[in-house]
């Protein structure tokens, strides 16, 4: 079982693949990131499907790197290498969805072995040799095939599924393997080197336009690339992670499907990219949301927490009985029942995204103003309701302090957008903002605990309450913020990680430390003036990145391994925000 953090990501902004350090594709959903997996060894071992290449005699462990600030991956052994990428040439990322092309280019001087073992879920996977390579038969969900001119394949059947194997003499020249996914993924006559160059240029040109901080610059740049990779090019949605059911606790059942668009997570990711100087992703995301409201009929007052990348409803949450789970952590879930929850915090990140775009000089217009009006109106109607909160607790709703702070932030940023972008003064919004603030300060602060707590009237800590300071609701000099930071650090931090909470949440087991909360603690320490402590924790946090710079959702301080879905937008945006905030305060 390969540790989660040692995998690498491929993306064409339509779907994504995970690759192990020895160039084994162990996760790929086709033709879309939220489609059924074609290869799921990550969650079910070799019987669940994989695509392996490597030298006939591997010898020493290979090295792996991304090429030229791109999502093009190179894995190298002593006498061969393989370059892997999902094709982004010819404007593919922004074209209508329905096709993806995974290319694997083998070069070297020795002999290589290729194993191709796609799977079709509950149906038997049948492979058939053709003059172009290997065709898949009996799969109705998508048209797929492996183009491999010149290779001689052996097809073996095991347990009802076929696996194709080929031996390759690399001394005869490069070998190009092209997996076509989707009914529109026909052969492309463009030479492979041109497509590879175009794919590298797609990523590196975008990364080259970012304004990066002087701290952990390479890691920040790659974190930005990960956020870009999680953007769904055809629609503008941004997924939380490209995987499902990677466990928060090894052997446990806290395994969730994250291959969808949470407007909270997506807005935060887009906001971070705006700070780096890229506004396109944010404008596309807001365009997706406006389309969801205007054409899809979504009610902003009761906006669902989660949507598919095309703005549809999720499939009902269910278990995949054919996959035992990563490290035996089951069930493997498809869909996410949190779609039905009340999460009133969502209004804050969306409005802050509009505010950041306004500050960046983006072309906001009347539909964006109407969106802000709707967001503040929704807060006015719902801010006094209990909800399941940012952690999507599967228990009775509560008056979560974080959710209240996000409602406050929505109104506060709405006031700022009204004034600075649209030249409007909104006194009734100012009154609403003050009412929300007064209640949070009265009900959310627990003098006996000496901290803001998870919910009104509670004594349990929740690191998400750091939002009262990060949002600007409480001033950095307010002793209640310092006391809250101290309480969370003493009770929820273990080494380089911070837990979300310790209380019961209606589920068995215990999650690991949550990377975004580590970032929030770093930012809170910056606010209260503990710059040395913030920098030390930031250095520890940055060290959690895997060998190719990717970060999971959580970190287990007991085992020292990553946990949760991978790579996670939250973890990467948090690291970027930390680096930007530390750089800003260092220059003062």
Protein backbone atom coordinates (compact mmCIF):
# COMPACT_ATOMS: atom_id res chain seq x y z
CA UNK A 1 0.00 0.00 0.00
CA UNK A 2 1.63 3.22 -1.19
CA UNK A 3 1.28 6.10 1.31
CA UNK A 4 -1.25 8.65 0.06
CA UNK A 5 1.21 11.54 -0.03
CA UNK A 6 3.58 9.67 -2.36
CA UNK A 7 1.12 9.70 -5.26
CA UNK A 8 1.28 12.28 -8.05
CA UNK A 9 -1.57 13.97 -9.91
CA UNK A 10 -2.34 14.24 -13.61
CA UNK A 11 -5.11 16.54 -14.83
CA UNK A 12 -6.62 17.97 -18.00
CA UNK A 13 -9.23 20.01 -16.06
CA UNK A 14 -11.85 17.41 -16.99
CA UNK A 15 -10.68 14.37 -15.10
CA UNK A 16 -7.68 13.39 -13.01
CA UNK A 17 -5.39 10.42 -12.45
CA UNK A 18 -3.17 9.40 -9.55
CA UNK A 19 0.20 7.83 -10.28
CA UNK A 20 2.44 5.96 -7.82
CA UNK A 21 6.20 6.64 -7.50
CA UNK A 22 6.85 3.69 -9.85
CA UNK A 23 4.55 5.03 -12.58
CA UNK A 24 1.50 2.92 -11.89
CA UNK A 25 -1.83 4.64 -12.64
CA UNK A 26 -4.02 3.56 -9.73
CA UNK A 27 -6.93 6.01 -9.98
CA UNK A 28 -8.69 7.35 -13.07
CA UNK A 29 -12.34 8.29 -13.55
CA UNK A 30 -13.55 8.64 -17.15
CA UNK A 31 -14.53 10.74 -18.88
CA UNK A 32 -15.17 13.16 -15.98
CA UNK A 33 -13.69 13.56 -12.52
CA UNK A 34 -17.00 12.49 -10.94
CA UNK A 35 -17.56 9.58 -13.34
CA UNK A 36 -17.15 5.94 -12.38
CA UNK A 37 -13.51 4.88 -11.99
CA UNK A 38 -11.85 3.05 -14.85
CA UNK A 39 -8.89 2.23 -12.58
CA UNK A 40 -9.34 2.03 -8.83
CA UNK A 41 -6.40 0.07 -7.46
CA UNK A 42 -6.04 2.92 -4.97
CA UNK A 43 -9.22 1.70 -3.26
CA UNK A 44 -9.33 -1.97 -4.17
CA UNK A 45 -5.89 -3.32 -4.96
CA UNK A 46 -4.86 -4.69 -8.39
CA UNK A 47 -8.22 -6.42 -9.05
CA UNK A 48 -9.84 -2.95 -9.15
CA UNK A 49 -7.81 -1.84 -12.16
CA UNK A 50 -4.45 -0.24 -12.97
CA UNK A 51 -2.13 0.77 -15.79
CA UNK A 52 1.54 -0.09 -15.12
CA UNK A 53 4.72 0.56 -17.07
CA UNK A 54 8.31 0.00 -16.02
CA UNK A 55 11.61 -1.70 -16.82
CA UNK A 56 11.64 -5.49 -17.01
CA UNK A 57 14.33 -5.39 -14.30
CA UNK A 58 13.42 -2.38 -12.14
CA UNK A 59 16.59 -2.24 -10.03
CA UNK A 60 16.70 0.85 -7.88
CA UNK A 61 13.64 2.93 -7.05
CA UNK A 62 12.87 5.52 -9.75
CA UNK A 63 12.88 9.28 -9.39
CA UNK A 64 9.85 11.40 -10.21
CA UNK A 65 9.29 15.07 -11.04
CA UNK A 66 6.93 17.46 -12.77
CA UNK A 67 8.35 19.10 -15.91
CA UNK A 68 8.69 22.91 -16.20
CA UNK A 69 5.98 24.05 -13.78
CA UNK A 70 3.37 21.83 -15.42
CA UNK A 71 1.24 18.80 -14.60
CA UNK A 72 3.34 16.67 -16.96
CA UNK A 73 5.01 13.96 -14.90
CA UNK A 74 8.29 12.17 -15.56
CA UNK A 75 9.34 8.95 -13.84
CA UNK A 76 12.92 7.79 -14.47
CA UNK A 77 14.79 4.54 -13.87
CA UNK A 78 18.42 3.85 -14.79
CA UNK A 79 17.73 2.81 -18.36
CA UNK A 80 14.26 4.17 -19.12
CA UNK A 81 11.74 6.87 -18.32
CA UNK A 82 8.03 7.43 -18.84
CA UNK A 83 6.38 10.81 -19.34
CA UNK A 84 2.73 10.91 -18.34
CA UNK A 85 0.14 13.58 -19.03
CA UNK A 86 -3.52 14.16 -19.71
CA UNK A 87 -3.65 15.99 -23.03
CA UNK A 88 -4.35 19.74 -22.75
CA UNK A 89 -3.41 20.63 -26.34
CA UNK A 90 -5.75 22.35 -28.76
CA UNK A 91 -7.82 24.05 -26.07
CA UNK A 92 -9.18 20.75 -24.72
CA UNK A 93 -9.58 21.90 -21.08
CA UNK A 94 -12.24 24.46 -22.01
CA UNK A 95 -14.07 22.46 -24.68
CA UNK A 96 -17.38 20.77 -23.86
CA UNK A 97 -16.83 17.77 -21.63
CA UNK A 98 -16.88 14.18 -22.81
CA UNK A 99 -13.35 13.16 -23.70
CA UNK A 100 -9.92 12.81 -22.17
CA UNK A 101 -6.65 11.40 -23.45
CA UNK A 102 -3.99 9.95 -21.18
CA UNK A 103 -0.60 9.70 -22.87
CA UNK A 104 2.34 7.63 -21.62
CA UNK A 105 5.60 8.00 -23.53
CA UNK A 106 8.33 5.42 -22.86
CA UNK A 107 11.96 6.07 -23.83
CA UNK A 108 15.20 4.28 -22.95
CA UNK A 109 17.63 1.58 -23.90
CA UNK A 110 16.38 -1.52 -22.13
CA UNK A 111 13.31 -3.69 -22.08
CA UNK A 112 10.03 -2.55 -20.54
CA UNK A 113 6.83 -4.25 -19.45
CA UNK A 114 3.36 -2.74 -19.89
CA UNK A 115 0.23 -3.96 -18.08
CA UNK A 116 -3.18 -2.53 -18.91
CA UNK A 117 -6.00 -3.60 -16.60
CA UNK A 118 -9.02 -1.28 -16.81
CA UNK A 119 -12.17 -2.28 -14.98
CA UNK A 120 -15.87 -1.58 -15.50
CA UNK A 121 -17.25 -1.84 -11.99
CA UNK A 122 -19.63 -4.76 -11.56
CA UNK A 123 -19.40 -5.83 -15.22
CA UNK A 124 -16.66 -8.04 -16.55
CA UNK A 125 -14.07 -6.09 -18.54
CA UNK A 126 -13.32 -7.58 -21.91
CA UNK A 127 -10.30 -6.49 -23.94
CA UNK A 128 -9.76 -7.13 -27.62
CA UNK A 129 -6.65 -6.69 -29.78
CA UNK A 130 -6.94 -4.44 -32.83
CA UNK A 131 -4.53 -3.00 -35.38
CA UNK A 132 -4.40 0.17 -33.26
CA UNK A 133 -3.89 -1.50 -29.89
CA UNK A 134 -6.51 -2.60 -27.35
CA UNK A 135 -10.26 -1.95 -27.43
CA UNK A 136 -12.61 -2.27 -24.49
CA UNK A 137 -15.81 -4.20 -25.08
CA UNK A 138 -19.05 -4.42 -23.15
CA UNK A 139 -18.80 -1.04 -21.47
CA UNK A 140 -21.77 1.24 -22.11
CA UNK A 141 -20.70 4.23 -20.00
CA UNK A 142 -17.99 5.52 -22.32
CA UNK A 143 -16.05 4.59 -25.41
CA UNK A 144 -12.47 3.74 -24.50
CA UNK A 145 -9.43 2.23 -26.09
CA UNK A 146 -5.65 2.07 -25.78
CA UNK A 147 -3.75 3.10 -28.88
CA UNK A 148 -0.36 1.40 -29.02
CA UNK A 149 0.87 0.87 -32.59
CA UNK A 150 3.44 -1.87 -32.98
CA UNK A 151 3.02 -3.53 -29.57
CA UNK A 152 2.24 -7.22 -29.36
CA UNK A 153 -0.27 -7.80 -26.61
CA UNK A 154 -1.10 -10.90 -24.58
CA UNK A 155 -4.60 -10.88 -23.12
CA UNK A 156 -5.16 -12.90 -19.97
CA UNK A 157 -8.37 -13.42 -18.07
CA UNK A 158 -8.55 -13.54 -14.29
CA UNK A 159 -11.73 -13.54 -12.27
CA UNK A 160 -13.80 -12.62 -15.31
CA UNK A 161 -11.71 -9.55 -16.18
CA UNK A 162 -9.11 -9.23 -18.90
CA UNK A 163 -5.61 -7.80 -18.51
CA UNK A 164 -3.36 -6.95 -21.45
CA UNK A 165 0.42 -7.32 -21.17
CA UNK A 166 3.22 -6.45 -23.58
CA UNK A 167 7.02 -6.61 -23.59
CA UNK A 168 8.74 -3.65 -25.20
CA UNK A 169 12.26 -3.18 -26.59
CA UNK A 170 12.93 0.52 -26.06
CA UNK A 171 16.14 0.44 -28.10
CA UNK A 172 13.91 0.55 -31.19
CA UNK A 173 12.72 4.04 -30.24
CA UNK A 174 10.05 5.79 -28.12
CA UNK A 175 6.76 4.01 -27.45
CA UNK A 176 3.58 6.10 -27.22
CA UNK A 177 0.59 4.70 -25.33
CA UNK A 178 -2.62 6.71 -25.59
CA UNK A 179 -5.70 5.88 -23.57
CA UNK A 180 -8.82 7.42 -25.14
CA UNK A 181 -11.66 8.06 -22.69
CA UNK A 182 -15.10 9.16 -23.76
CA UNK A 183 -17.19 9.06 -26.95
CA UNK A 184 -15.50 12.19 -28.33
CA UNK A 185 -11.93 11.08 -27.69
CA UNK A 186 -11.03 9.97 -31.19
CA UNK A 187 -7.48 9.68 -32.46
CA UNK A 188 -5.52 12.92 -32.81
CA UNK A 189 -3.15 13.06 -35.77
CA UNK A 190 -1.04 15.78 -34.15
CA UNK A 191 2.44 14.37 -33.37
CA UNK A 192 2.87 13.47 -29.71
CA UNK A 193 5.83 15.82 -29.08
CA UNK A 194 3.70 18.78 -30.21
CA UNK A 195 0.85 17.75 -27.91
CA UNK A 196 3.23 17.35 -25.01
CA UNK A 197 4.77 20.78 -25.64
CA UNK A 198 1.31 22.33 -25.85
CA UNK A 199 0.29 20.67 -22.58
CA UNK A 200 3.42 21.88 -20.81
CA UNK A 201 2.80 25.37 -22.20
CA UNK A 202 -0.84 25.28 -21.02
CA UNK A 203 0.32 24.86 -17.43
CA UNK A 204 3.62 26.72 -17.37
CA UNK A 205 2.32 29.85 -19.13
CA UNK A 206 -0.46 30.12 -16.59
CA UNK A 207 1.93 29.55 -13.66
CA UNK A 208 4.35 32.08 -15.13
CA UNK A 209 1.72 34.81 -14.85
CA UNK A 210 1.29 34.43 -11.07
CA UNK A 211 2.65 36.86 -8.51
CA UNK A 212 4.33 34.62 -5.96
CA UNK A 213 5.60 35.33 -2.43
CA UNK A 214 9.29 34.87 -1.50
CA UNK A 215 8.47 32.10 1.01
CA UNK A 216 8.36 28.48 -0.25
CA UNK A 217 7.98 29.90 -3.76
CA UNK A 218 8.24 26.59 -5.60
CA UNK A 219 5.78 24.87 -3.29
CA UNK A 220 3.36 27.82 -3.53
CA UNK A 221 3.58 27.76 -7.33
CA UNK A 222 2.88 24.05 -7.42
CA UNK A 223 0.01 24.44 -4.93
CA UNK A 224 -1.49 27.00 -7.31
CA UNK A 225 -1.13 24.50 -10.15
CA UNK A 226 -3.00 21.94 -8.06
CA UNK A 227 -5.87 24.41 -7.56
CA UNK A 228 -5.89 25.07 -11.30
CA UNK A 229 -5.92 21.31 -11.92
CA UNK A 230 -9.02 20.98 -9.72
CA UNK A 231 -10.90 23.50 -11.89
CA UNK A 232 -13.35 21.87 -14.29
CA UNK A 233 -12.55 23.67 -17.51
CA UNK A 234 -15.82 23.08 -19.43
CA UNK A 235 -18.04 24.57 -16.67
CA UNK A 236 -15.93 26.63 -14.23
CA UNK A 237 -16.73 24.46 -11.21
CA UNK A 238 -13.87 23.60 -8.83
CA UNK A 239 -13.79 20.22 -7.08
CA UNK A 240 -12.67 19.74 -3.48
CA UNK A 241 -10.44 16.77 -4.42
CA UNK A 242 -10.28 14.27 -7.31
CA UNK A 243 -10.81 11.19 -5.12
CA UNK A 244 -13.40 9.48 -2.99
CA UNK A 245 -13.16 7.61 0.29
CA UNK A 246 -9.49 8.00 1.14
CA UNK A 247 -9.84 7.58 4.90
CA UNK A 248 -9.51 10.22 7.59
CA UNK A 249 -8.63 7.33 9.89
CA UNK A 250 -6.91 4.22 8.54
CA UNK A 251 -9.27 1.28 8.92
CA UNK A 252 -12.16 3.59 9.84
CA UNK A 253 -15.38 4.55 8.09
CA UNK A 254 -14.89 8.34 7.80
CA UNK A 255 -14.54 8.08 4.05
CA UNK A 256 -16.27 10.65 1.86
CA UNK A 257 -16.68 11.40 -1.84
CA UNK A 258 -15.06 14.77 -2.61
CA UNK A 259 -15.20 14.75 -6.43
CA UNK A 260 -17.76 17.55 -6.52
CA UNK A 261 -18.06 21.30 -6.23
CA UNK A 262 -18.66 22.75 -2.76
CA UNK A 263 -19.28 26.48 -3.26
CA UNK A 264 -17.47 27.11 0.05
CA UNK A 265 -14.31 25.23 -0.93
CA UNK A 266 -14.45 26.41 -4.54
CA UNK A 267 -14.87 30.06 -3.58
CA UNK A 268 -11.95 29.85 -1.17
CA UNK A 269 -9.75 28.23 -3.84
CA UNK A 270 -10.68 30.85 -6.42
CA UNK A 271 -10.13 33.66 -3.88
CA UNK A 272 -6.62 32.41 -3.24
CA UNK A 273 -5.84 32.40 -6.96
CA UNK A 274 -7.11 35.99 -7.14
CA UNK A 275 -4.52 36.93 -4.52
CA UNK A 276 -1.85 35.38 -6.76
CA UNK A 277 -3.03 37.51 -9.67
CA UNK A 278 -5.24 35.06 -11.58
CA UNK A 279 -8.90 36.11 -11.76
CA UNK A 280 -10.09 33.87 -14.60
CA UNK A 281 -10.92 30.93 -12.33
CA UNK A 282 -12.99 33.14 -10.02
CA UNK A 283 -14.93 34.72 -12.87
CA UNK A 284 -15.60 31.28 -14.36
CA UNK A 285 -16.79 29.95 -11.00
CA UNK A 286 -19.17 32.87 -10.51
CA UNK A 287 -20.39 32.37 -14.06
CA UNK A 288 -21.09 28.73 -13.20
CA UNK A 289 -23.01 29.80 -10.07
CA UNK A 290 -25.02 32.46 -11.96
CA UNK A 291 -25.91 29.84 -14.57
CA UNK A 292 -26.94 27.48 -11.78
CA UNK A 293 -29.30 30.12 -10.39
CA UNK A 294 -30.66 31.57 -13.62
CA UNK A 295 -30.95 28.44 -15.77
CA UNK A 296 -30.74 25.58 -13.28
CA UNK A 297 -33.33 27.12 -10.97
CA UNK A 298 -31.17 26.91 -7.83
CA UNK A 299 -32.61 28.85 -4.90
CA UNK A 300 -29.84 30.94 -3.37
CA UNK A 301 -31.71 31.09 -0.05
CA UNK A 302 -31.38 27.31 0.12
CA UNK A 303 -28.30 26.73 -2.01
CA UNK A 304 -27.22 23.11 -1.81
CA UNK A 305 -23.76 22.73 -0.26
CA UNK A 306 -22.59 20.51 -3.13
CA UNK A 307 -23.18 20.09 -6.86
CA UNK A 308 -21.72 17.98 -9.62
CA UNK A 309 -19.30 19.79 -11.90
CA UNK A 310 -22.09 20.47 -14.39
CA UNK A 311 -24.38 21.89 -11.71
CA UNK A 312 -26.51 18.81 -11.25
CA UNK A 313 -27.64 16.94 -8.16
CA UNK A 314 -25.34 14.30 -6.74
CA UNK A 315 -26.25 10.63 -6.95
CA UNK A 316 -27.75 9.37 -3.69
CA UNK A 317 -24.94 8.41 -1.34
CA UNK A 318 -24.28 4.68 -1.60
CA UNK A 319 -21.50 2.16 -1.12
CA UNK A 320 -19.47 0.45 -3.82
CA UNK A 321 -19.55 -3.23 -2.75
CA UNK A 322 -16.73 -4.17 -5.13
CA UNK A 323 -14.06 -1.98 -3.51
CA UNK A 324 -12.67 -2.87 -0.05
CA UNK A 325 -11.20 0.61 0.45
CA UNK A 326 -7.72 2.05 0.94
CA UNK A 327 -5.96 -0.06 3.56
CA UNK A 328 -9.23 -1.86 4.25
CA UNK A 329 -10.98 1.40 5.16
CA UNK A 330 -14.53 0.89 4.04
CA UNK A 331 -17.09 1.66 2.89
CA UNK A 332 -16.15 3.30 -0.39
CA UNK A 333 -18.80 5.95 -0.93
CA UNK A 334 -20.24 7.32 -4.15
CA UNK A 335 -22.17 10.57 -3.72
CA UNK A 336 -22.36 12.62 -0.55
CA UNK A 337 -25.39 12.91 1.73
CA UNK A 338 -24.15 16.29 2.99
CA UNK A 339 -25.84 17.63 -0.15
CA UNK A 340 -29.07 17.66 1.89
CA UNK A 341 -27.65 19.57 4.86
CA UNK A 342 -28.13 23.17 5.93
CA UNK A 343 -24.76 24.97 5.81
CA UNK A 344 -25.30 28.69 6.24
CA UNK A 345 -21.58 29.46 6.23
CA UNK A 346 -21.51 29.11 2.43
CA UNK A 347 -22.62 32.73 1.90
CA UNK A 348 -19.43 34.17 3.40
CA UNK A 349 -16.79 32.71 1.03
CA UNK A 350 -18.86 33.51 -2.07
CA UNK A 351 -19.26 37.17 -1.09
CA UNK A 352 -15.61 37.45 -0.13
CA UNK A 353 -14.72 36.09 -3.57
CA UNK A 354 -16.71 38.90 -5.21
CA UNK A 355 -15.02 41.39 -2.85
CA UNK A 356 -11.53 40.15 -3.75
CA UNK A 357 -12.38 40.34 -7.44
CA UNK A 358 -13.53 43.92 -6.94
CA UNK A 359 -10.27 44.81 -5.24
CA UNK A 360 -8.36 43.18 -8.11
CA UNK A 361 -10.18 45.31 -10.68
CA UNK A 362 -12.07 42.44 -12.29
CA UNK A 363 -14.98 43.38 -14.61
CA UNK A 364 -17.90 42.98 -12.22
CA UNK A 365 -21.31 43.96 -13.60
CA UNK A 366 -25.00 43.99 -12.72
CA UNK A 367 -25.41 40.19 -12.50
CA UNK A 368 -22.60 40.17 -9.92
CA UNK A 369 -24.27 42.99 -7.99
CA UNK A 370 -27.57 41.13 -8.07
CA UNK A 371 -25.73 38.05 -6.76
CA UNK A 372 -24.39 40.05 -3.82
CA UNK A 373 -27.88 41.37 -3.10
CA UNK A 374 -29.23 37.83 -3.10
CA UNK A 375 -26.45 36.61 -0.82
CA UNK A 376 -27.08 39.30 1.78
CA UNK A 377 -30.83 38.71 1.51
CA UNK A 378 -30.24 35.01 2.12
CA UNK A 379 -28.16 35.81 5.20
CA UNK A 380 -30.91 38.11 6.47
CA UNK A 381 -33.38 35.23 6.23
CA UNK A 382 -31.21 32.42 7.57
CA UNK A 383 -28.41 33.60 9.84
CA UNK A 384 -30.36 32.79 13.00
CA UNK A 385 -30.92 29.17 11.95
CA UNK A 386 -28.89 26.27 13.37
CA UNK A 387 -26.98 24.24 10.79
CA UNK A 388 -24.57 21.34 10.32
CA UNK A 389 -21.66 23.73 9.81
CA UNK A 390 -18.42 23.61 7.86
CA UNK A 391 -17.65 20.08 9.10
CA UNK A 392 -21.00 18.74 7.88
CA UNK A 393 -21.69 17.10 11.23
CA UNK A 394 -24.05 14.16 10.86
CA UNK A 395 -25.87 15.01 14.06
CA UNK A 396 -28.47 17.53 15.17
CA UNK A 397 -27.96 21.09 13.84
CA UNK A 398 -26.39 23.66 16.18
CA UNK A 399 -25.75 27.38 16.18
CA UNK A 400 -22.15 27.03 14.98
CA UNK A 401 -19.98 30.05 15.69
CA UNK A 402 -18.07 29.61 12.44
CA UNK A 403 -21.30 29.67 10.42
CA UNK A 404 -22.42 32.85 12.20
CA UNK A 405 -19.04 34.47 11.52
CA UNK A 406 -19.36 33.59 7.84
CA UNK A 407 -22.83 35.16 7.74
CA UNK A 408 -21.28 38.29 9.27
CA UNK A 409 -18.52 38.21 6.68
CA UNK A 410 -21.02 37.91 3.83
CA UNK A 411 -22.74 41.11 4.93
CA UNK A 412 -19.48 42.91 5.70
CA UNK A 413 -17.98 42.09 2.29
CA UNK A 414 -21.30 42.91 0.63
CA UNK A 415 -21.17 46.39 2.16
CA UNK A 416 -17.62 46.83 0.89
CA UNK A 417 -18.51 45.66 -2.64
CA UNK A 418 -21.56 47.93 -2.72
CA UNK A 419 -19.49 50.95 -1.78
CA UNK A 420 -16.21 50.40 -3.62
CA UNK A 421 -17.40 48.68 -6.81
CA UNK A 422 -20.97 49.84 -7.38
CA UNK A 423 -21.01 53.17 -5.52
CA UNK A 424 -23.91 52.26 -3.27
CA UNK A 425 -24.38 52.87 0.46
CA UNK A 426 -26.42 50.18 2.25
CA UNK A 427 -27.33 51.35 5.80
CA UNK A 428 -29.73 48.44 6.36
CA UNK A 429 -26.89 46.02 5.63
CA UNK A 430 -24.71 47.81 8.16
CA UNK A 431 -27.43 47.34 10.77
CA UNK A 432 -27.69 43.64 9.94
CA UNK A 433 -23.92 43.23 10.20
CA UNK A 434 -23.91 44.87 13.63
CA UNK A 435 -26.75 42.65 14.88
CA UNK A 436 -24.95 39.50 13.81
CA UNK A 437 -21.70 40.67 15.40
CA UNK A 438 -23.39 41.53 18.70
CA UNK A 439 -24.98 38.08 18.94
CA UNK A 440 -21.75 36.25 18.12
CA UNK A 441 -19.81 38.18 20.75
CA UNK A 442 -22.54 37.57 23.30
CA UNK A 443 -23.39 33.94 22.59
CA UNK A 444 -20.26 32.55 20.96
CA UNK A 445 -17.77 33.58 23.65
CA UNK A 446 -17.68 31.30 26.70
CA UNK A 447 -16.03 33.09 29.63
CA UNK A 448 -15.74 29.86 31.63
CA UNK A 449 -13.76 28.19 28.85
CA UNK A 450 -11.94 31.40 28.04
CA UNK A 451 -12.48 30.96 24.30
CA UNK A 452 -14.96 31.16 21.50
CA UNK A 453 -16.46 27.69 21.32
CA UNK A 454 -17.91 25.48 18.61
CA UNK A 455 -21.53 26.55 19.10
CA UNK A 456 -23.66 28.79 21.24
CA UNK A 457 -23.82 27.53 24.81
CA UNK A 458 -21.21 24.82 24.27
CA UNK A 459 -17.92 24.18 26.01
CA UNK A 460 -16.25 22.20 23.21
CA UNK A 461 -13.53 23.80 21.13
CA UNK A 462 -13.55 23.94 17.35
CA UNK A 463 -10.58 25.37 15.48
CA UNK A 464 -12.96 26.79 12.85
CA UNK A 465 -13.87 29.55 15.33
CA UNK A 466 -10.56 31.15 14.41
CA UNK A 467 -12.72 32.65 11.66
CA UNK A 468 -13.92 35.30 14.11
CA UNK A 469 -10.45 36.82 13.81
CA UNK A 470 -9.58 35.84 10.24
CA UNK A 471 -12.82 37.38 8.95
CA UNK A 472 -12.21 40.68 10.73
CA UNK A 473 -15.19 40.34 13.07
CA UNK A 474 -12.84 40.55 16.08
CA UNK A 475 -9.86 42.89 16.00
CA UNK A 476 -6.36 41.35 16.17
CA UNK A 477 -5.78 43.20 19.46
CA UNK A 478 -8.92 41.82 21.10
CA UNK A 479 -7.80 39.64 24.04
CA UNK A 480 -10.60 37.19 23.26
CA UNK A 481 -8.88 36.33 19.98
CA UNK A 482 -5.51 35.75 21.66
CA UNK A 483 -7.20 33.60 24.28
CA UNK A 484 -8.96 31.55 21.60
CA UNK A 485 -5.71 31.03 19.69
CA UNK A 486 -4.00 29.90 22.90
CA UNK A 487 -6.83 27.50 23.77
CA UNK A 488 -6.90 25.92 20.32
CA UNK A 489 -3.13 25.58 20.20
CA UNK A 490 -2.95 23.96 23.62
CA UNK A 491 -5.88 21.59 23.17
CA UNK A 492 -6.17 20.87 19.44
CA UNK A 493 -2.62 21.10 18.11
CA UNK A 494 -0.27 18.11 18.06
CA UNK A 495 3.09 18.86 16.45
CA UNK A 496 2.61 20.08 12.87
CA UNK A 497 -1.14 19.51 12.76
CA UNK A 498 -4.33 20.94 14.25
CA UNK A 499 -7.48 18.93 14.87
CA UNK A 500 -10.85 20.36 13.97
CA UNK A 501 -12.44 19.36 17.28
CA UNK A 502 -12.38 16.60 19.86
CA UNK A 503 -16.06 16.30 20.71
CA UNK A 504 -18.49 13.66 19.55
CA UNK A 505 -19.96 14.16 16.11
CA UNK A 506 -22.28 11.21 15.67
CA UNK A 507 -19.74 9.01 13.88
CA UNK A 508 -17.49 6.20 15.12
CA UNK A 509 -13.72 6.65 15.21
CA UNK A 510 -11.55 9.74 15.24
CA UNK A 511 -10.40 11.88 12.29
CA UNK A 512 -6.79 12.97 11.90
CA UNK A 513 -5.43 16.50 12.11
CA UNK A 514 -6.97 18.79 9.50
CA UNK A 515 -4.47 20.64 7.32
CA UNK A 516 -6.61 23.72 6.67
CA UNK A 517 -6.95 24.26 10.40
CA UNK A 518 -3.17 24.22 10.71
CA UNK A 519 -3.14 27.02 8.13
CA UNK A 520 -5.83 28.94 10.00
CA UNK A 521 -3.84 28.70 13.22
CA UNK A 522 -0.78 30.02 11.37
CA UNK A 523 -2.79 32.95 10.02
CA UNK A 524 -4.31 33.63 13.45
CA UNK A 525 -0.85 33.67 15.03
CA UNK A 526 0.21 36.19 12.40
CA UNK A 527 -2.78 38.36 13.30
CA UNK A 528 -2.01 38.45 17.01
CA UNK A 529 1.67 39.19 16.37
CA UNK A 530 3.22 35.79 17.06
CA UNK A 531 5.26 35.85 13.85
CA UNK A 532 8.00 33.54 15.10
CA UNK A 533 5.45 30.93 16.13
CA UNK A 534 3.60 31.33 12.85
CA UNK A 535 6.76 30.91 10.77
CA UNK A 536 7.88 27.85 12.74
CA UNK A 537 4.49 26.16 12.31
CA UNK A 538 4.42 27.14 8.63
CA UNK A 539 7.78 25.47 8.06
CA UNK A 540 6.50 22.31 9.77
CA UNK A 541 3.33 22.43 7.70
CA UNK A 542 5.16 22.87 4.40
CA UNK A 543 7.26 19.81 5.25
CA UNK A 544 4.10 17.68 5.11
CA UNK A 545 3.95 18.00 1.31
CA UNK A 546 4.70 14.79 -0.54
CA UNK A 547 7.75 14.24 -2.74
CA UNK A 548 6.09 15.95 -5.72
CA UNK A 549 4.57 18.77 -3.64
CA UNK A 550 1.04 17.44 -3.10
CA UNK A 551 -0.94 17.60 0.14
CA UNK A 552 -3.78 15.51 1.46
CA UNK A 553 -6.76 16.65 3.50
CA UNK A 554 -5.41 15.51 6.86
CA UNK A 555 -2.30 14.36 8.69
CA UNK A 556 -1.96 11.63 11.30
CA UNK A 557 0.70 12.70 13.84
CA UNK A 558 0.87 9.18 15.25
CA UNK A 559 1.88 7.45 12.01
CA UNK A 560 3.34 10.51 10.29
CA UNK A 561 1.25 9.79 7.19
CA UNK A 562 -1.25 11.77 5.16
CA UNK A 563 -4.93 10.97 5.50
CA UNK A 564 -8.12 11.91 3.67
CA UNK A 565 -8.78 12.72 0.04
CA UNK A 566 -5.86 13.74 -2.13
CA UNK A 567 -4.78 16.24 -3.22
CA UNK A 568 -7.09 18.54 -1.29
CA UNK A 569 -7.88 22.10 -2.42
CA UNK A 570 -8.20 23.27 1.21
CA UNK A 571 -4.67 22.16 2.09
CA UNK A 572 -3.07 23.87 -0.89
CA UNK A 573 -5.00 27.12 -0.64
CA UNK A 574 -4.19 27.28 3.06
CA UNK A 575 -0.47 26.95 2.39
CA UNK A 576 -0.62 29.70 -0.25
CA UNK A 577 -2.51 32.05 2.08
CA UNK A 578 0.05 31.40 4.83
CA UNK A 579 2.97 32.25 2.55
CA UNK A 580 1.29 35.43 1.32
CA UNK A 581 0.36 36.59 4.82
CA UNK A 582 3.80 35.86 6.27
CA UNK A 583 5.44 37.72 3.40
CA UNK A 584 3.16 40.73 3.88
CA UNK A 585 3.86 40.98 7.60
CA UNK A 586 7.59 40.40 7.15
CA UNK A 587 7.72 43.46 4.90
CA UNK A 588 6.08 45.77 7.45
